[in-house]
Each structure stands twice: as structure tokens, then as C-alpha cells.
Amino acid sequence: MKYSRGPNLITHEQKGFLKQRIYGLALGYKDLNDSDTIRKDLAWQTLVESNEKLAGNSTLCRLKARSDRTTIC
């Protein structure tokens, strides 16, 4: 059974997810293990242009799992 997230529970924009993931890959973070640590880092928040904590491991994992070729195009 698939569960969808309620729109009122979502606090991150997809643009921020993508920035966080792309910058992480560019800086050598090949997997999502460090996401829970760097999400509170002020430098990362500035890089992603966010005043709030960034997405954690489980949230980024959901983004990765739902992405496929049709969502990119």
C-alpha cells in the first residue's frame, strides 16, 4: 500500500531537495547517510537558500525513490 504525504505536512520545496542532493553529490556525498547531520549545518542551509533545517535522510530517500525518467522530462 502506498501512502501519500498530506500537503499540509510538507515543509520543504522540491527545488531545495534537488539543490541539497546535487550539491551533496558534487561535494562527494555519494549516499544519503550524512543527510541527517548536514541538514542542520548553517553553511548547507545558506547554500540551499533555506532558513530552516534541510531535508533528512528519509525525506531525500523518498525523493530518490519516486524519481524516474518521466518525472525528469
Protein backbone atom coordinates (compact mmCIF):
# COMPACT_ATOMS: atom_id res chain seq x y z
CA MET A 1 0.00 0.00 0.00
CA LYS A 2 1.35 3.42 -0.94
CA TYR A 3 0.94 6.38 1.37
CA SER A 4 0.94 9.91 0.08
CA ARG A 5 2.04 12.83 2.21
CA GLY A 6 -0.54 15.41 3.18
CA PRO A 7 0.19 18.80 1.58
CA ASN A 8 -0.15 20.47 4.98
CA LEU A 9 2.70 18.28 6.33
CA ILE A 10 5.21 19.20 3.63
CA THR A 11 7.70 21.82 4.75
CA HIS A 12 10.35 21.56 2.02
CA GLU A 13 10.23 22.70 -1.58
CA GLN A 14 11.35 20.28 -4.28
CA LYS A 15 13.85 22.87 -5.53
CA GLY A 16 15.57 22.71 -2.14
CA PHE A 17 15.64 18.89 -2.25
CA LEU A 18 17.31 18.97 -5.63
CA LYS A 19 19.85 21.60 -4.62
CA GLN A 20 20.70 19.67 -1.47
CA ARG A 21 21.14 16.40 -3.37
CA ILE A 22 23.09 17.88 -6.30
CA TYR A 23 25.45 19.85 -4.06
CA GLY A 24 25.92 16.78 -1.90
CA LEU A 25 26.90 14.69 -4.92
CA ALA A 26 29.22 17.43 -6.19
CA LEU A 27 30.95 17.59 -2.80
CA GLY A 28 31.48 13.83 -2.61
CA TYR A 29 28.47 12.66 -0.58
CA LYS A 30 27.65 9.64 -2.75
CA ASP A 31 24.90 8.31 -0.49
CA LEU A 32 22.39 9.84 1.90
CA ASN A 33 23.99 8.67 5.16
CA ASP A 34 25.23 12.14 6.15
CA SER A 35 21.99 13.97 5.33
CA ASP A 36 20.74 13.89 8.91
CA THR A 37 23.96 15.56 10.09
CA ILE A 38 24.38 18.20 7.39
CA ARG A 39 20.71 19.20 7.40
CA LYS A 40 21.38 21.38 10.49
CA ASP A 41 24.59 22.92 9.12
CA LEU A 42 24.28 26.69 8.52
CA ALA A 43 26.65 26.56 5.55
CA TRP A 44 24.46 23.95 3.84
CA GLN A 45 21.31 25.91 4.63
CA THR A 46 22.89 29.00 3.08
CA LEU A 47 23.98 27.03 0.03
CA VAL A 48 20.45 25.72 -0.49
CA GLU A 49 18.98 29.16 0.34
CA SER A 50 16.91 27.96 3.28
CA ASN A 51 16.36 29.41 6.75
CA GLU A 52 15.08 26.07 8.06
CA LYS A 53 16.64 22.67 8.63
CA LEU A 54 17.13 20.82 5.35
CA ALA A 55 15.64 17.50 4.35
CA GLY A 56 16.83 14.47 6.24
CA ASN A 57 17.87 11.04 5.04
CA SER A 58 14.37 9.54 4.88
CA THR A 59 12.91 12.52 3.03
CA LEU A 60 15.67 12.54 0.42
CA CYS A 61 15.31 8.77 0.09
CA ARG A 62 11.62 9.23 -0.77
CA LEU A 63 12.60 11.81 -3.41
CA LYS A 64 15.10 9.39 -4.90
CA ALA A 65 12.60 6.50 -4.87
CA ARG A 66 9.87 8.44 -6.67
CA SER A 67 12.17 9.82 -9.36
CA ASP A 68 12.25 8.20 -12.77
CA ARG A 69 12.84 9.24 -16.35
CA THR A 70 9.27 10.51 -16.84
CA THR A 71 9.43 12.88 -13.84
CA ILE A 72 12.66 14.38 -15.11
CA CYS A 73 11.42 15.15 -18.64
